[in-house]
């Protein structure tokens, strides 16, 4: 896990590395005459890039940066993001969302079973009346006793917290 922020040069280096890996997978499938697999890989990467592009609509720079670098900062997880974003969010909410994501992922990352695939899926819904981010981790880790810190104006709803799945929702609290 990387603690310090990435420089532009480091972020571009990681992005180019990921891009080359994706191209190699597509090329390998073509070379093996597995055209459907190559097309599926292209569709997967296209969907992934579109989801990252949509993050700019949120107007949440800290949260967007966290989401776009999570795969690099937390190599124990395979991070995926989906979203339905129809409007901007409250900018004052940005650092609070990022804080909750960072804290939860750090807690999990310290307890991961290194021999199990760890998945982290983030789904965001943002429209003029709703902001909801769902954090859904699955894999295997040691029990986590520590609870997430309370953050003003942030509502956390835990749906599941076991040693194989942790799912909660972050919503903007309407209470002060």
Protein backbone atom coordinates (compact mmCIF):
# COMPACT_ATOMS: atom_id res chain seq x y z
CA UNK A 1 0.00 0.00 0.00
CA UNK A 2 1.37 3.41 -0.98
CA UNK A 3 1.03 6.15 1.64
CA UNK A 4 2.27 9.21 -0.27
CA UNK A 5 0.36 10.81 -3.15
CA UNK A 6 1.43 9.95 -6.67
CA UNK A 7 3.26 12.51 -8.76
CA UNK A 8 1.92 13.07 -12.26
CA UNK A 9 4.91 11.15 -13.61
CA UNK A 10 4.22 8.15 -11.36
CA UNK A 11 0.51 8.14 -12.21
CA UNK A 12 1.25 8.23 -15.93
CA UNK A 13 3.82 5.45 -15.54
CA UNK A 14 1.25 3.24 -13.78
CA UNK A 15 -1.42 4.10 -16.35
CA UNK A 16 0.88 3.25 -19.28
CA UNK A 17 1.89 -0.01 -17.59
CA UNK A 18 -1.77 -0.99 -17.13
CA UNK A 19 -2.56 -0.01 -20.72
CA UNK A 20 0.30 -2.15 -22.08
CA UNK A 21 -0.88 -5.11 -19.99
CA UNK A 22 -4.38 -4.70 -21.41
CA UNK A 23 -3.04 -4.55 -24.98
CA UNK A 24 -0.93 -7.67 -24.37
CA UNK A 25 -4.01 -9.58 -23.18
CA UNK A 26 -5.95 -8.55 -26.28
CA UNK A 27 -3.00 -9.41 -28.57
CA UNK A 28 -2.56 -12.81 -26.90
CA UNK A 29 -6.25 -13.63 -27.44
CA UNK A 30 -6.02 -12.60 -31.09
CA UNK A 31 -2.84 -14.67 -31.57
CA UNK A 32 -4.65 -17.69 -30.09
CA UNK A 33 -7.61 -17.06 -32.42
CA UNK A 34 -9.82 -16.36 -29.40
CA UNK A 35 -11.53 -13.39 -31.00
CA UNK A 36 -14.55 -13.45 -28.69
CA UNK A 37 -12.21 -13.23 -25.68
CA UNK A 38 -10.34 -10.33 -27.32
CA UNK A 39 -13.64 -8.52 -27.99
CA UNK A 40 -14.76 -9.17 -24.40
CA UNK A 41 -11.50 -7.71 -23.08
CA UNK A 42 -11.94 -4.61 -25.25
CA UNK A 43 -15.53 -4.22 -24.02
CA UNK A 44 -14.40 -4.63 -20.40
CA UNK A 45 -11.66 -1.99 -20.70
CA UNK A 46 -13.99 0.37 -22.56
CA UNK A 47 -16.59 0.10 -19.79
CA UNK A 48 -13.90 0.65 -17.17
CA UNK A 49 -12.58 3.79 -18.90
CA UNK A 50 -16.12 5.18 -19.29
CA UNK A 51 -16.76 4.68 -15.56
CA UNK A 52 -13.58 6.62 -14.73
CA UNK A 53 -14.54 9.36 -17.19
CA UNK A 54 -17.97 9.68 -15.54
CA UNK A 55 -16.29 10.40 -12.19
CA UNK A 56 -15.43 13.89 -13.42
CA UNK A 57 -19.16 14.72 -13.34
CA UNK A 58 -19.14 14.32 -9.55
CA UNK A 59 -17.00 17.41 -8.97
CA UNK A 60 -15.31 15.54 -6.11
CA UNK A 61 -11.57 15.78 -6.89
CA UNK A 62 -10.26 13.95 -3.79
CA UNK A 63 -12.77 11.12 -4.10
CA UNK A 64 -12.18 10.80 -7.86
CA UNK A 65 -8.41 10.67 -7.37
CA UNK A 66 -8.79 8.04 -4.65
CA UNK A 67 -11.01 5.90 -6.88
CA UNK A 68 -8.71 6.21 -9.89
CA UNK A 69 -5.57 5.26 -7.95
CA UNK A 70 -7.00 2.62 -5.60
CA UNK A 71 -5.78 -0.30 -7.77
CA UNK A 72 -2.23 1.04 -7.60
CA UNK A 73 -2.28 2.02 -3.93
CA UNK A 74 -3.93 -1.18 -2.68
CA UNK A 75 -2.44 -3.98 -4.80
CA UNK A 76 -4.10 -6.61 -2.63
CA UNK A 77 -7.45 -5.69 -4.17
CA UNK A 78 -8.87 -5.89 -7.65
CA UNK A 79 -10.89 -2.65 -7.65
CA UNK A 80 -13.83 -2.06 -9.98
CA UNK A 81 -16.09 0.96 -10.24
CA UNK A 82 -19.56 1.44 -11.69
CA UNK A 83 -21.70 4.51 -11.49
CA UNK A 84 -24.83 6.36 -12.47
CA UNK A 85 -23.98 10.03 -12.25
CA UNK A 86 -26.53 12.60 -13.37
CA UNK A 87 -25.35 15.64 -11.42
CA UNK A 88 -22.55 17.15 -9.37
CA UNK A 89 -22.22 16.45 -5.68
CA UNK A 90 -21.70 18.76 -2.74
CA UNK A 91 -17.99 19.66 -2.87
CA UNK A 92 -17.93 19.98 0.95
CA UNK A 93 -18.64 16.25 1.07
CA UNK A 94 -15.53 15.35 -0.98
CA UNK A 95 -12.80 14.96 1.66
CA UNK A 96 -15.24 13.18 3.99
CA UNK A 97 -16.03 10.50 1.39
CA UNK A 98 -12.35 10.08 0.59
CA UNK A 99 -11.57 9.73 4.32
CA UNK A 100 -14.13 6.93 4.79
CA UNK A 101 -12.88 5.08 1.69
CA UNK A 102 -9.26 5.39 2.82
CA UNK A 103 -9.98 4.27 6.38
CA UNK A 104 -12.10 1.26 5.35
CA UNK A 105 -9.65 0.08 2.70
CA UNK A 106 -6.67 0.47 5.04
CA UNK A 107 -8.47 -1.55 7.73
CA UNK A 108 -9.19 -4.35 5.29
CA UNK A 109 -5.81 -4.23 3.57
CA UNK A 110 -3.98 -4.87 6.86
CA UNK A 111 -6.00 -8.06 7.47
CA UNK A 112 -6.11 -9.67 4.00
CA UNK A 113 -5.40 -13.32 3.38
CA UNK A 114 -2.61 -13.11 0.78
CA UNK A 115 -3.66 -16.39 -0.85
CA UNK A 116 -7.21 -15.32 -1.68
CA UNK A 117 -8.44 -13.09 -4.48
CA UNK A 118 -9.73 -9.86 -2.96
CA UNK A 119 -12.35 -7.85 -4.83
CA UNK A 120 -13.48 -4.32 -4.05
CA UNK A 121 -16.40 -2.95 -6.00
CA UNK A 122 -17.50 0.66 -5.63
CA UNK A 123 -20.85 1.74 -7.04
CA UNK A 124 -21.89 5.40 -7.05
CA UNK A 125 -25.33 6.86 -7.64
CA UNK A 126 -25.52 10.64 -7.78
CA UNK A 127 -28.47 12.71 -8.91
CA UNK A 128 -29.99 16.00 -7.70
CA UNK A 129 -31.68 14.32 -4.71
CA UNK A 130 -29.38 11.40 -3.87
CA UNK A 131 -25.74 10.58 -3.29
CA UNK A 132 -25.00 6.96 -2.44
CA UNK A 133 -21.65 5.19 -2.65
CA UNK A 134 -21.65 1.44 -2.03
CA UNK A 135 -18.41 -0.15 -0.82
CA UNK A 136 -18.54 -3.89 -1.45
CA UNK A 137 -15.46 -5.96 -0.58
CA UNK A 138 -15.31 -9.72 -0.96
CA UNK A 139 -12.50 -12.17 -0.40
CA UNK A 140 -11.03 -13.41 2.85
CA UNK A 141 -9.49 -11.56 5.77
CA UNK A 142 -9.03 -11.80 9.50
CA UNK A 143 -11.87 -10.45 11.68
CA UNK A 144 -11.89 -6.66 11.92
CA UNK A 145 -12.95 -5.42 15.33
CA UNK A 146 -12.32 -1.73 14.74
CA UNK A 147 -15.25 0.38 13.55
CA UNK A 148 -15.02 3.23 11.09
CA UNK A 149 -14.77 6.72 12.56
CA UNK A 150 -17.87 8.88 12.67
CA UNK A 151 -17.65 11.63 10.06
CA UNK A 152 -19.93 14.70 10.24
CA UNK A 153 -22.58 14.90 7.49
CA UNK A 154 -21.83 11.33 6.42
CA UNK A 155 -24.31 8.54 6.97
CA UNK A 156 -22.81 5.03 7.02
CA UNK A 157 -25.15 2.07 6.68
CA UNK A 158 -23.58 -1.36 7.17
CA UNK A 159 -25.27 -4.12 5.26
CA UNK A 160 -22.78 -6.90 5.96
CA UNK A 161 -19.45 -7.23 7.79
CA UNK A 162 -17.94 -10.71 7.92
CA UNK A 163 -14.52 -12.22 7.24
CA UNK A 164 -15.56 -12.74 3.59
CA UNK A 165 -17.74 -9.75 2.74
CA UNK A 166 -17.96 -6.15 3.88
CA UNK A 167 -20.67 -4.03 2.34
CA UNK A 168 -21.71 -0.56 3.45
CA UNK A 169 -23.19 2.59 1.97
CA UNK A 170 -21.97 6.17 2.28
CA UNK A 171 -24.67 8.76 1.94
CA UNK A 172 -24.82 12.47 2.56
CA UNK A 173 -26.54 12.90 5.91
CA UNK A 174 -29.38 15.40 5.95
CA UNK A 175 -28.79 15.84 9.68
CA UNK A 176 -26.30 18.40 10.99
